[in-house]
Amino acid sequence: MIRSVVLGTGSYLPERVVTNEELATRVDTSDEWIVQRTGIRQRHIVADGETTSDLGVKAAERALAAAGVEAADIDLIIVATATPDHTFPATAVEVQHKLGVVRGAAFDVQAVCSGFVYALTVGDAMLKTGLANKALVIGADSFSRILDWEDRTTCVLFGDGAGAVVLGVEEGAGTTDDRGVLTAHLRADGRHVEKLYTDGGPSSTQTVGHVRMHGQEVFKFAVGAVTDVIKSAFAATGFDGQTIDWFIPHQANRRIIESSARKLGIALEKVVITVDKHGNTSAASIPLALDSAVRSGQVKRGDVVLLEAMGGGFTWGAAIVRW
């Protein structure tokens, strides 16, 4: 059986760090209020002129270096983003150009915070069916560009960044002992669009719009949705909360992460948490946390890693990968 395996990871965060204390000088909030409700202490914000594709390229270059793969060997680039450089062309095409890649396919996936899990699933399917041999899967977002900086319910939550993985193909036995993506499960329910959305768009207002969110509704839905899709991944593989090695969830809110882990029987010491340092970086959050865990030596060869995310739409998904 052909498996898509992770050959290398990389990430990038903009230089500028915005602390809770700085935000408290701009809106009616406090460090204590933000930390208590979200676990976030700081976030990184793009510089003037710095674009989502710039973030993605830097993360991709680090992933390629870690994988020992040349950019010219890549024949598939998928960028998960809700904040593209332009309405079109796809940010993936701009990343492709900046990397000097002139072959293969490049396109974006838009599933907001679930984007990386969606993009990984699409990349896995394309590699397993022979449509590509080596892929860059990137999650990159510049959410600071679409925040209303006078809305304290949203502007304190998000940050900017990018993470990437290089995928290659490897022959496996078709068991859960194989390296690579072992299972992936995606969900969506458009009835919840108005709970987390932007109030603009090319075909509606001809503007970018700002993020709008009903926080309590998102929180309530998130814990149940996460549990549901992870149970599907467990059922498909035979793993459970005790037998996985690492849980790397979307980094939106520490309370959601810990509640989900408890419901699934996952010990908190197995949970990778970076939301305190990065905030919610949307599609970038899982690959950022993954790269951090790999480079720190937490995630090792042979480990079973559970990835999970939920985003606007609502969309949600989970994947289990053996490192």
C-alpha atoms as a PDB file:
ATOM      1  CA  MET A   1       0.000   0.000   0.000  1.00  0.00           C
ATOM      2  CA  ILE A   2       1.287   3.467  -0.887  1.00  0.00           C
ATOM      3  CA  ARG A   3       1.431   5.863   2.065  1.00  0.00           C
ATOM      4  CA  SER A   4       2.163   9.579   2.070  1.00  0.00           C
ATOM      5  CA  VAL A   5       4.811  10.257   4.717  1.00  0.00           C
ATOM      6  CA  VAL A   6       6.038  13.475   6.303  1.00  0.00           C
ATOM      7  CA  LEU A   7       9.637  14.053   5.243  1.00  0.00           C
ATOM      8  CA  GLY A   8      10.155  17.373   6.987  1.00  0.00           C
ATOM      9  CA  THR A   9       8.445  20.253   8.779  1.00  0.00           C
ATOM     10  CA  GLY A  10       9.011  23.992   8.911  1.00  0.00           C
ATOM     11  CA  SER A  11       7.397  27.126  10.297  1.00  0.00           C
ATOM     12  CA  TYR A  12       7.707  30.887  10.346  1.00  0.00           C
ATOM     13  CA  LEU A  13       6.414  33.626  12.625  1.00  0.00           C
ATOM     14  CA  PRO A  14       6.581  37.356  11.846  1.00  0.00           C
ATOM     15  CA  GLU A  15       9.080  39.303  13.915  1.00  0.00           C
ATOM     16  CA  ARG A  16       6.635  41.639  15.615  1.00  0.00           C
ATOM     17  CA  VAL A  17       5.212  40.299  18.880  1.00  0.00           C
ATOM     18  CA  VAL A  18       2.062  41.873  20.358  1.00  0.00           C
ATOM     19  CA  THR A  19       1.490  41.095  24.019  1.00  0.00           C
ATOM     20  CA  ASN A  20      -1.774  41.167  25.922  1.00  0.00           C
ATOM     21  CA  GLU A  21      -0.488  44.214  27.791  1.00  0.00           C
ATOM     22  CA  GLU A  22      -0.071  46.095  24.505  1.00  0.00           C
ATOM     23  CA  LEU A  23      -3.597  45.181  23.418  1.00  0.00           C
ATOM     24  CA  ALA A  24      -4.916  46.450  26.757  1.00  0.00           C
ATOM     25  CA  THR A  25      -3.720  49.921  25.754  1.00  0.00           C
ATOM     26  CA  ARG A  26      -5.867  49.767  22.596  1.00  0.00           C
ATOM     27  CA  VAL A  27      -9.105  48.062  23.686  1.00  0.00           C
ATOM     28  CA  ASP A  28     -10.952  47.485  26.961  1.00  0.00           C
ATOM     29  CA  THR A  29      -9.269  44.264  28.037  1.00  0.00           C
ATOM     30  CA  SER A  30      -6.485  42.967  30.282  1.00  0.00           C
ATOM     31  CA  ASP A  31      -3.832  40.272  30.318  1.00  0.00           C
ATOM     32  CA  GLU A  32      -5.716  38.483  33.097  1.00  0.00           C
ATOM     33  CA  TRP A  33      -9.014  38.533  31.157  1.00  0.00           C
ATOM     34  CA  ILE A  34      -7.424  37.141  27.965  1.00  0.00           C
ATOM     35  CA  VAL A  35      -5.331  34.452  29.671  1.00  0.00           C
ATOM     36  CA  GLN A  36      -8.208  33.281  31.854  1.00  0.00           C
ATOM     37  CA  ARG A  37     -10.565  32.807  28.904  1.00  0.00           C
ATOM     38  CA  THR A  38      -8.192  31.688  26.147  1.00  0.00           C
ATOM     39  CA  GLY A  39      -4.717  30.888  27.461  1.00  0.00           C
ATOM     40  CA  ILE A  40      -3.215  33.380  24.974  1.00  0.00           C
ATOM     41  CA  ARG A  41      -0.372  35.613  26.196  1.00  0.00           C
ATOM     42  CA  GLN A  42       1.011  36.979  22.935  1.00  0.00           C
ATOM     43  CA  ARG A  43       0.752  36.732  19.159  1.00  0.00           C
ATOM     44  CA  HIS A  44       2.902  37.603  16.118  1.00  0.00           C
ATOM     45  CA  ILE A  45       1.735  40.197  13.573  1.00  0.00           C
ATOM     46  CA  VAL A  46       2.901  40.649   9.979  1.00  0.00           C
ATOM     47  CA  ALA A  47       4.969  43.689   9.076  1.00  0.00           C
ATOM     48  CA  ASP A  48       3.846  46.296   6.566  1.00  0.00           C
ATOM     49  CA  GLY A  49       4.230  44.772   3.121  1.00  0.00           C
ATOM     50  CA  GLU A  50       4.577  41.223   4.445  1.00  0.00           C
ATOM     51  CA  THR A  51       2.063  38.904   2.791  1.00  0.00           C
ATOM     52  CA  THR A  52       0.616  35.472   3.432  1.00  0.00           C
ATOM     53  CA  SER A  53       2.696  34.035   0.579  1.00  0.00           C
ATOM     54  CA  ASP A  54       5.840  35.493   2.187  1.00  0.00           C
ATOM     55  CA  LEU A  55       5.015  33.626   5.392  1.00  0.00           C
ATOM     56  CA  GLY A  56       4.298  30.443   3.465  1.00  0.00           C
ATOM     57  CA  VAL A  57       7.536  30.602   1.489  1.00  0.00           C
ATOM     58  CA  LYS A  58       9.677  30.947   4.628  1.00  0.00           C
ATOM     59  CA  ALA A  59       7.921  28.012   6.299  1.00  0.00           C
ATOM     60  CA  ALA A  60       8.234  25.973   3.095  1.00  0.00           C
ATOM     61  CA  GLU A  61      11.960  26.673   2.772  1.00  0.00           C
ATOM     62  CA  ARG A  62      12.538  25.429   6.321  1.00  0.00           C
ATOM     63  CA  ALA A  63      10.457  22.314   5.683  1.00  0.00           C
ATOM     64  CA  LEU A  64      12.374  21.572   2.479  1.00  0.00           C
ATOM     65  CA  ALA A  65      15.682  21.968   4.314  1.00  0.00           C
ATOM     66  CA  ALA A  66      14.518  19.636   7.087  1.00  0.00           C
ATOM     67  CA  ALA A  67      13.386  17.061   4.511  1.00  0.00           C
ATOM     68  CA  GLY A  68      16.570  17.316   2.445  1.00  0.00           C
ATOM     69  CA  VAL A  69      14.402  17.968  -0.625  1.00  0.00           C
ATOM     70  CA  GLU A  70      15.053  20.533  -3.363  1.00  0.00           C
ATOM     71  CA  ALA A  71      12.236  22.876  -4.361  1.00  0.00           C
ATOM     72  CA  ALA A  72      12.627  21.629  -7.944  1.00  0.00           C
ATOM     73  CA  ASP A  73      11.540  18.150  -6.785  1.00  0.00           C
ATOM     74  CA  ILE A  74       8.127  19.414  -5.617  1.00  0.00           C
ATOM     75  CA  ASP A  75       5.268  18.729  -8.022  1.00  0.00           C
ATOM     76  CA  LEU A  76       2.335  19.700  -5.792  1.00  0.00           C
ATOM     77  CA  ILE A  77       1.820  22.765  -3.601  1.00  0.00           C
ATOM     78  CA  ILE A  78      -1.330  23.158  -1.518  1.00  0.00           C
ATOM     79  CA  VAL A  79      -1.762  26.261   0.602  1.00  0.00           C
ATOM     80  CA  ALA A  80      -4.479  26.338   3.234  1.00  0.00           C
ATOM     81  CA  THR A  81      -5.424  29.951   3.882  1.00  0.00           C
ATOM     82  CA  ALA A  82      -8.384  32.245   4.511  1.00  0.00           C
ATOM     83  CA  THR A  83      -6.262  35.349   3.914  1.00  0.00           C
ATOM     84  CA  PRO A  84      -4.813  35.034   0.397  1.00  0.00           C
ATOM     85  CA  ASP A  85      -2.554  37.670  -1.104  1.00  0.00           C
ATOM     86  CA  HIS A  86      -5.150  38.284  -3.809  1.00  0.00           C
ATOM     87  CA  THR A  87      -8.684  37.175  -4.608  1.00  0.00           C
ATOM     88  CA  PHE A  88      -6.893  35.361  -7.431  1.00  0.00           C
ATOM     89  CA  PRO A  89      -4.530  33.830  -8.385  1.00  0.00           C
ATOM     90  CA  ALA A  90      -4.137  31.286  -5.612  1.00  0.00           C
ATOM     91  CA  THR A  91      -1.533  32.034  -2.967  1.00  0.00           C
ATOM     92  CA  ALA A  92      -0.089  28.592  -3.751  1.00  0.00           C
ATOM     93  CA  VAL A  93       0.847  29.811  -7.243  1.00  0.00           C
ATOM     94  CA  GLU A  94       2.631  32.803  -5.716  1.00  0.00           C
ATOM     95  CA  VAL A  95       4.480  30.487  -3.317  1.00  0.00           C
ATOM     96  CA  GLN A  96       5.373  28.256  -6.265  1.00  0.00           C
ATOM     97  CA  HIS A  97       6.831  31.225  -8.168  1.00  0.00           C
ATOM     98  CA  LYS A  98       8.815  32.531  -5.175  1.00  0.00           C
ATOM     99  CA  LEU A  99      10.282  29.059  -4.608  1.00  0.00           C
ATOM    100  CA  GLY A 100      11.280  28.811  -8.275  1.00  0.00           C
ATOM    101  CA  VAL A 101       9.110  25.757  -8.945  1.00  0.00           C
ATOM    102  CA  VAL A 102       7.913  25.558 -12.555  1.00  0.00           C
ATOM    103  CA  ARG A 103       6.121  22.203 -12.719  1.00  0.00           C
ATOM    104  CA  GLY A 104       3.256  20.343 -11.161  1.00  0.00           C
ATOM    105  CA  ALA A 105       0.072  21.750  -9.630  1.00  0.00           C
ATOM    106  CA  ALA A 106      -0.527  24.517  -7.121  1.00  0.00           C
ATOM    107  CA  PHE A 107      -3.809  25.570  -5.533  1.00  0.00           C
ATOM    108  CA  ASP A 108      -5.390  26.867  -2.327  1.00  0.00           C
ATOM    109  CA  VAL A 109      -7.750  25.159   0.102  1.00  0.00           C
ATOM    110  CA  GLN A 110     -10.140  27.353   2.093  1.00  0.00           C
ATOM    111  CA  ALA A 111     -11.544  25.750   5.232  1.00  0.00           C
ATOM    112  CA  VAL A 112     -10.414  28.501   7.640  1.00  0.00           C
ATOM    113  CA  CYS A 113      -8.931  26.982  10.825  1.00  0.00           C
ATOM    114  CA  SER A 114      -9.508  23.437   9.527  1.00  0.00           C
ATOM    115  CA  GLY A 115      -7.574  24.290   6.387  1.00  0.00           C
ATOM    116  CA  PHE A 116      -4.372  22.416   7.166  1.00  0.00           C
ATOM    117  CA  VAL A 117      -6.178  19.157   7.975  1.00  0.00           C
ATOM    118  CA  TYR A 118      -8.206  19.550   4.763  1.00  0.00           C
ATOM    119  CA  ALA A 119      -5.063  20.320   2.737  1.00  0.00           C
ATOM    120  CA  LEU A 120      -3.139  17.406   4.255  1.00  0.00           C
ATOM    121  CA  THR A 121      -6.014  15.080   3.395  1.00  0.00           C
ATOM    122  CA  VAL A 122      -6.123  16.303  -0.219  1.00  0.00           C
ATOM    123  CA  GLY A 123      -2.341  16.012  -0.539  1.00  0.00           C
ATOM    124  CA  ASP A 124      -2.416  12.503   0.912  1.00  0.00           C
ATOM    125  CA  ALA A 125      -5.084  11.430  -1.589  1.00  0.00           C
ATOM    126  CA  MET A 126      -3.208  12.891  -4.555  1.00  0.00           C
ATOM    127  CA  LEU A 127       0.079  11.248  -3.614  1.00  0.00           C
ATOM    128  CA  LYS A 128      -1.528   7.867  -2.969  1.00  0.00           C
ATOM    129  CA  THR A 129      -3.215   7.916  -6.376  1.00  0.00           C
ATOM    130  CA  GLY A 130      -0.021   8.874  -8.190  1.00  0.00           C
ATOM    131  CA  LEU A 131      -1.065  12.400  -9.172  1.00  0.00           C
ATOM    132  CA  ALA A 132       2.087  13.738  -7.504  1.00  0.00           C
ATOM    133  CA  ASN A 133       5.288  12.415  -5.967  1.00  0.00           C
ATOM    134  CA  LYS A 134       6.386  15.129  -3.548  1.00  0.00           C
ATOM    135  CA  ALA A 135       4.122  17.773  -2.066  1.00  0.00           C
ATOM    136  CA  LEU A 136       4.373  20.905   0.008  1.00  0.00           C
ATOM    137  CA  VAL A 137       1.349  21.312   2.253  1.00  0.00           C
ATOM    138  CA  ILE A 138       1.301  24.743   3.838  1.00  0.00           C
ATOM    139  CA  GLY A 139      -0.982  26.445   6.346  1.00  0.00           C
ATOM    140  CA  ALA A 140      -0.520  30.224   6.281  1.00  0.00           C
ATOM    141  CA  ASP A 141      -2.657  33.104   7.477  1.00  0.00           C
ATOM    142  CA  SER A 142      -2.400  36.831   8.117  1.00  0.00           C
ATOM    143  CA  PHE A 143      -5.529  37.220  10.222  1.00  0.00           C
ATOM    144  CA  SER A 144      -4.385  40.593  11.538  1.00  0.00           C
ATOM    145  CA  ARG A 145      -5.354  41.956   8.101  1.00  0.00           C
ATOM    146  CA  ILE A 146      -9.034  41.111   8.633  1.00  0.00           C
ATOM    147  CA  LEU A 147      -9.448  41.958  12.326  1.00  0.00           C
ATOM    148  CA  ASP A 148     -11.518  44.815  13.679  1.00  0.00           C
ATOM    149  CA  TRP A 149      -8.992  46.189  16.155  1.00  0.00           C
ATOM    150  CA  GLU A 150     -11.788  47.867  18.119  1.00  0.00           C
ATOM    151  CA  ASP A 151     -13.622  44.575  18.715  1.00  0.00           C
ATOM    152  CA  ARG A 152     -12.095  43.114  21.862  1.00  0.00           C
ATOM    153  CA  THR A 153     -13.974  39.826  21.435  1.00  0.00           C
ATOM    154  CA  THR A 154     -11.967  38.964  18.302  1.00  0.00           C
ATOM    155  CA  CYS A 155      -8.826  41.098  18.052  1.00  0.00           C
ATOM    156  CA  VAL A 156      -7.268  39.472  21.135  1.00  0.00           C
ATOM    157  CA  LEU A 157      -7.605  35.946  19.720  1.00  0.00           C
ATOM    158  CA  PHE A 158      -5.718  35.837  16.444  1.00  0.00           C
ATOM    159  CA  GLY A 159      -2.149  36.016  15.201  1.00  0.00           C
ATOM    160  CA  ASP A 160      -0.208  35.499  11.989  1.00  0.00           C
ATOM    161  CA  GLY A 161       2.160  32.744  10.905  1.00  0.00           C
ATOM    162  CA  ALA A 162       2.793  29.774   8.661  1.00  0.00           C
ATOM    163  CA  GLY A 163       3.722  26.118   8.934  1.00  0.00           C
ATOM    164  CA  ALA A 164       4.553  23.541   6.281  1.00  0.00           C
ATOM    165  CA  VAL A 165       5.228  19.868   5.725  1.00  0.00           C
ATOM    166  CA  VAL A 166       6.898  18.065   2.853  1.00  0.00           C
ATOM    167  CA  LEU A 167       5.100  14.878   1.883  1.00  0.00           C
ATOM    168  CA  GLY A 168       6.652  11.999  -0.019  1.00  0.00           C
ATOM    169  CA  VAL A 169       5.503   8.468  -0.851  1.00  0.00           C
ATOM    170  CA  GLU A 170       6.571   5.236   0.776  1.00  0.00           C
ATOM    171  CA  GLU A 171       5.335   1.673   0.402  1.00  0.00           C
ATOM    172  CA  GLY A 172       3.683   0.271   3.502  1.00  0.00           C
ATOM    173  CA  ALA A 173       2.067  -3.003   4.528  1.00  0.00           C
ATOM    174  CA  GLY A 174      -1.374  -1.448   4.837  1.00  0.00           C
ATOM    175  CA  THR A 175      -1.407  -1.673   8.629  1.00  0.00           C
ATOM    176  CA  THR A 176      -1.272   0.946  11.355  1.00  0.00           C
ATOM    177  CA  ASP A 177       2.408   0.087  11.813  1.00  0.00           C
ATOM    178  CA  ASP A 178       3.108   1.912   8.538  1.00  0.00           C
ATOM    179  CA  ARG A 179       4.657   5.347   8.547  1.00  0.00           C
ATOM    180  CA  GLY A 180       2.569   8.183   7.135  1.00  0.00           C
ATOM    181  CA  VAL A 181      -1.023   9.352   7.087  1.00  0.00           C
ATOM    182  CA  LEU A 182      -3.031   6.431   8.453  1.00  0.00           C
ATOM    183  CA  THR A 183      -6.510   7.967   8.329  1.00  0.00           C
ATOM    184  CA  ALA A 184      -8.222  11.319   7.800  1.00  0.00           C
ATOM    185  CA  HIS A 185     -11.802  12.439   8.368  1.00  0.00           C
ATOM    186  CA  LEU A 186     -13.385  15.718   7.242  1.00  0.00           C
ATOM    187  CA  ARG A 187     -16.693  17.328   8.168  1.00  0.00           C
ATOM    188  CA  ALA A 188     -18.669  20.506   7.409  1.00  0.00           C
ATOM    189  CA  ASP A 189     -22.046  21.953   8.385  1.00  0.00           C
ATOM    190  CA  GLY A 190     -22.995  25.195   6.645  1.00  0.00           C
ATOM    191  CA  ARG A 191     -25.934  25.842   8.970  1.00  0.00           C
ATOM    192  CA  HIS A 192     -23.452  27.527  11.322  1.00  0.00           C
ATOM    193  CA  VAL A 193     -22.004  30.072   8.878  1.00  0.00           C
ATOM    194  CA  GLU A 194     -23.141  33.118  10.853  1.00  0.00           C
ATOM    195  CA  LYS A 195     -21.450  32.014  14.067  1.00  0.00           C
ATOM    196  CA  LEU A 196     -17.930  32.621  12.708  1.00  0.00           C
ATOM    197  CA  TYR A 197     -17.460  34.552   9.465  1.00  0.00           C
ATOM    198  CA  THR A 198     -16.217  37.737   7.813  1.00  0.00           C
ATOM    199  CA  ASP A 199     -18.722  40.462   7.003  1.00  0.00           C
ATOM    200  CA  GLY A 200     -17.355  41.006   3.505  1.00  0.00           C
ATOM    201  CA  GLY A 201     -16.353  39.305   0.276  1.00  0.00           C
ATOM    202  CA  PRO A 202     -15.842  39.892  -3.469  1.00  0.00           C
ATOM    203  CA  SER A 203     -19.353  38.848  -4.539  1.00  0.00           C
ATOM    204  CA  SER A 204     -21.239  40.378  -1.600  1.00  0.00           C
ATOM    205  CA  THR A 205     -19.720  43.658  -0.417  1.00  0.00           C
ATOM    206  CA  GLN A 206     -16.686  43.922  -2.733  1.00  0.00           C
ATOM    207  CA  THR A 207     -14.609  44.397   0.438  1.00  0.00           C
ATOM    208  CA  VAL A 208     -12.458  42.072   2.524  1.00  0.00           C
ATOM    209  CA  GLY A 209     -14.587  42.489   5.663  1.00  0.00           C
ATOM    210  CA  HIS A 210     -13.737  41.780   9.299  1.00  0.00           C
ATOM    211  CA  VAL A 211     -13.918  38.655  11.440  1.00  0.00           C
ATOM    212  CA  ARG A 212     -17.176  38.327  13.387  1.00  0.00           C
ATOM    213  CA  MET A 213     -17.760  35.601  15.947  1.00  0.00           C
ATOM    214  CA  HIS A 214     -20.314  34.387  18.475  1.00  0.00           C
ATOM    215  CA  GLY A 215     -17.781  33.031  20.919  1.00  0.00           C
ATOM    216  CA  GLN A 216     -19.997  30.982  23.231  1.00  0.00           C
ATOM    217  CA  GLU A 217     -21.691  29.238  20.291  1.00  0.00           C
ATOM    218  CA  VAL A 218     -18.325  28.373  18.751  1.00  0.00           C
ATOM    219  CA  PHE A 219     -16.999  27.058  22.065  1.00  0.00           C
ATOM    220  CA  LYS A 220     -20.014  24.808  22.652  1.00  0.00           C
ATOM    221  CA  PHE A 221     -19.944  23.369  19.144  1.00  0.00           C
ATOM    222  CA  ALA A 222     -16.174  22.899  19.078  1.00  0.00           C
ATOM    223  CA  VAL A 223     -15.857  20.433  21.951  1.00  0.00           C
ATOM    224  CA  GLY A 224     -18.609  18.157  20.615  1.00  0.00           C
ATOM    225  CA  ALA A 225     -17.435  18.323  16.999  1.00  0.00           C
ATOM    226  CA  VAL A 226     -13.836  17.614  17.898  1.00  0.00           C
ATOM    227  CA  THR A 227     -14.830  14.582  19.947  1.00  0.00           C
ATOM    228  CA  ASP A 228     -17.015  13.214  17.140  1.00  0.00           C
ATOM    229  CA  VAL A 229     -14.434  13.370  14.362  1.00  0.00           C
ATOM    230  CA  ILE A 230     -11.610  12.053  16.543  1.00  0.00           C
ATOM    231  CA  LYS A 231     -13.738   9.063  17.543  1.00  0.00           C
ATOM    232  CA  SER A 232     -14.123   8.323  13.817  1.00  0.00           C
ATOM    233  CA  ALA A 233     -10.333   8.427  13.408  1.00  0.00           C
ATOM    234  CA  PHE A 234      -9.894   6.139  16.403  1.00  0.00           C
ATOM    235  CA  ALA A 235     -12.484   3.687  15.048  1.00  0.00           C
ATOM    236  CA  ALA A 236     -10.706   3.550  11.683  1.00  0.00           C
ATOM    237  CA  THR A 237      -7.328   2.719  13.207  1.00  0.00           C
ATOM    238  CA  GLY A 238      -7.947   1.052  16.549  1.00  0.00           C
ATOM    239  CA  PHE A 239      -6.050   3.747  18.431  1.00  0.00           C
ATOM    240  CA  ASP A 240      -7.518   5.607  21.391  1.00  0.00           C
ATOM    241  CA  GLY A 241      -6.606   8.376  23.801  1.00  0.00           C
ATOM    242  CA  GLN A 242      -4.211   6.128  25.672  1.00  0.00           C
ATOM    243  CA  THR A 243      -2.382   4.575  22.720  1.00  0.00           C
ATOM    244  CA  ILE A 244      -1.595   7.688  20.680  1.00  0.00           C
ATOM    245  CA  ASP A 245       1.678   9.408  21.517  1.00  0.00           C
ATOM    246  CA  TRP A 246       0.774  13.030  20.784  1.00  0.00           C
ATOM    247  CA  PHE A 247      -2.342  15.164  20.333  1.00  0.00           C
ATOM    248  CA  ILE A 248      -1.683  18.298  18.270  1.00  0.00           C
ATOM    249  CA  PRO A 249      -4.969  20.202  18.012  1.00  0.00           C
ATOM    250  CA  HIS A 250      -5.864  23.521  16.419  1.00  0.00           C
ATOM    251  CA  GLN A 251      -4.560  26.210  18.747  1.00  0.00           C
ATOM    252  CA  ALA A 252      -7.604  28.427  19.293  1.00  0.00           C
ATOM    253  CA  ASN A 253      -8.370  28.270  22.988  1.00  0.00           C
ATOM    254  CA  ARG A 254      -6.642  26.399  25.796  1.00  0.00           C
ATOM    255  CA  ARG A 255      -9.969  25.629  27.503  1.00  0.00           C
ATOM    256  CA  ILE A 256     -11.308  23.941  24.348  1.00  0.00           C
ATOM    257  CA  ILE A 257      -8.085  21.944  23.947  1.00  0.00           C
ATOM    258  CA  GLU A 258      -8.079  20.702  27.538  1.00  0.00           C
ATOM    259  CA  SER A 259     -11.828  19.937  27.563  1.00  0.00           C
ATOM    260  CA  SER A 260     -11.479  17.899  24.374  1.00  0.00           C
ATOM    261  CA  ALA A 261      -8.486  15.977  25.731  1.00  0.00           C
ATOM    262  CA  ARG A 262     -10.317  15.079  28.935  1.00  0.00           C
ATOM    263  CA  LYS A 263     -13.395  13.855  27.024  1.00  0.00           C
ATOM    264  CA  LEU A 264     -11.200  11.645  24.852  1.00  0.00           C
ATOM    265  CA  GLY A 265      -9.089  10.237  27.672  1.00  0.00           C
ATOM    266  CA  ILE A 266      -5.901  11.892  26.423  1.00  0.00           C
ATOM    267  CA  ALA A 267      -3.437  12.758  29.182  1.00  0.00           C
ATOM    268  CA  LEU A 268      -2.574  16.460  29.165  1.00  0.00           C
ATOM    269  CA  GLU A 269       1.150  15.670  28.999  1.00  0.00           C
ATOM    270  CA  LYS A 270       0.511  14.251  25.517  1.00  0.00           C
ATOM    271  CA  VAL A 271      -1.074  17.501  24.301  1.00  0.00           C
ATOM    272  CA  VAL A 272       1.065  19.991  22.391  1.00  0.00           C
ATOM    273  CA  ILE A 273      -0.011  23.538  23.268  1.00  0.00           C
ATOM    274  CA  THR A 274       1.415  26.659  21.633  1.00  0.00           C
ATOM    275  CA  VAL A 275      -1.648  28.933  21.771  1.00  0.00           C
ATOM    276  CA  ASP A 276      -0.066  30.934  24.606  1.00  0.00           C
ATOM    277  CA  LYS A 277       2.777  32.050  22.310  1.00  0.00           C
ATOM    278  CA  HIS A 278       1.054  32.227  18.919  1.00  0.00           C
ATOM    279  CA  GLY A 279      -2.640  32.923  19.497  1.00  0.00           C
ATOM    280  CA  ASN A 280      -5.037  31.470  16.931  1.00  0.00           C
ATOM    281  CA  THR A 281      -3.161  31.444  13.626  1.00  0.00           C
ATOM    282  CA  SER A 282      -6.024  29.731  11.764  1.00  0.00           C
ATOM    283  CA  ALA A 283      -4.726  27.306   9.102  1.00  0.00           C
ATOM    284  CA  ALA A 284      -1.158  27.816  10.342  1.00  0.00           C
ATOM    285  CA  SER A 285      -1.808  26.706  13.909  1.00  0.00           C
ATOM    286  CA  ILE A 286      -1.429  22.919  13.557  1.00  0.00           C
ATOM    287  CA  PRO A 287       1.711  22.961  11.370  1.00  0.00           C
ATOM    288  CA  LEU A 288       3.251  25.625  13.639  1.00  0.00           C
ATOM    289  CA  ALA A 289       2.623  23.456  16.706  1.00  0.00           C
ATOM    290  CA  LEU A 290       3.750  20.332  14.831  1.00  0.00           C
ATOM    291  CA  ASP A 291       7.039  21.911  13.760  1.00  0.00           C
ATOM    292  CA  SER A 292       7.635  23.119  17.315  1.00  0.00           C
ATOM    293  CA  ALA A 293       7.065  19.608  18.673  1.00  0.00           C
ATOM    294  CA  VAL A 294       9.323  17.996  16.063  1.00  0.00           C
ATOM    295  CA  ARG A 295      12.191  20.441  16.507  1.00  0.00           C
ATOM    296  CA  SER A 296      12.006  20.252  20.312  1.00  0.00           C
ATOM    297  CA  GLY A 297      12.389  16.477  20.113  1.00  0.00           C
ATOM    298  CA  GLN A 298       8.921  15.685  21.463  1.00  0.00           C
ATOM    299  CA  VAL A 299       7.685  13.987  18.294  1.00  0.00           C
ATOM    300  CA  LYS A 300      10.044  11.162  17.323  1.00  0.00           C
ATOM    301  CA  ARG A 301      10.223   8.582  14.549  1.00  0.00           C
ATOM    302  CA  GLY A 302       7.474   5.994  14.976  1.00  0.00           C
ATOM    303  CA  ASP A 303       5.246   8.176  17.175  1.00  0.00           C
ATOM    304  CA  VAL A 304       1.506   8.222  16.513  1.00  0.00           C
ATOM    305  CA  VAL A 305       0.296  11.814  16.174  1.00  0.00           C
ATOM    306  CA  LEU A 306      -3.347  12.910  16.247  1.00  0.00           C
ATOM    307  CA  LEU A 307      -4.155  16.180  14.453  1.00  0.00           C
ATOM    308  CA  GLU A 308      -7.509  17.939  14.821  1.00  0.00           C
ATOM    309  CA  ALA A 309      -9.100  21.283  13.914  1.00  0.00           C
ATOM    310  CA  MET A 310     -12.380  23.165  13.682  1.00  0.00           C
ATOM    311  CA  GLY A 311     -13.023  26.391  11.805  1.00  0.00           C
ATOM    312  CA  GLY A 312     -15.613  28.751  10.397  1.00  0.00           C
ATOM    313  CA  GLY A 313     -18.305  27.216   8.266  1.00  0.00           C
ATOM    314  CA  PHE A 314     -18.338  25.170  10.419  1.00  0.00           C
ATOM    315  CA  THR A 315     -15.642  22.842   9.117  1.00  0.00           C
ATOM    316  CA  TRP A 316     -13.731  20.307  11.170  1.00  0.00           C
ATOM    317  CA  GLY A 317     -11.497  17.306  10.710  1.00  0.00           C
ATOM    318  CA  ALA A 318      -8.931  14.939  12.193  1.00  0.00           C
ATOM    319  CA  ALA A 319      -6.015  12.873  10.929  1.00  0.00           C
ATOM    320  CA  ILE A 320      -3.733  10.278  12.487  1.00  0.00           C
ATOM    321  CA  VAL A 321      -0.131  10.171  11.257  1.00  0.00           C
ATOM    322  CA  ARG A 322       2.666   7.810  12.228  1.00  0.00           C
ATOM    323  CA  TRP A 323       5.906   9.726  12.252  1.00  0.00           C
END
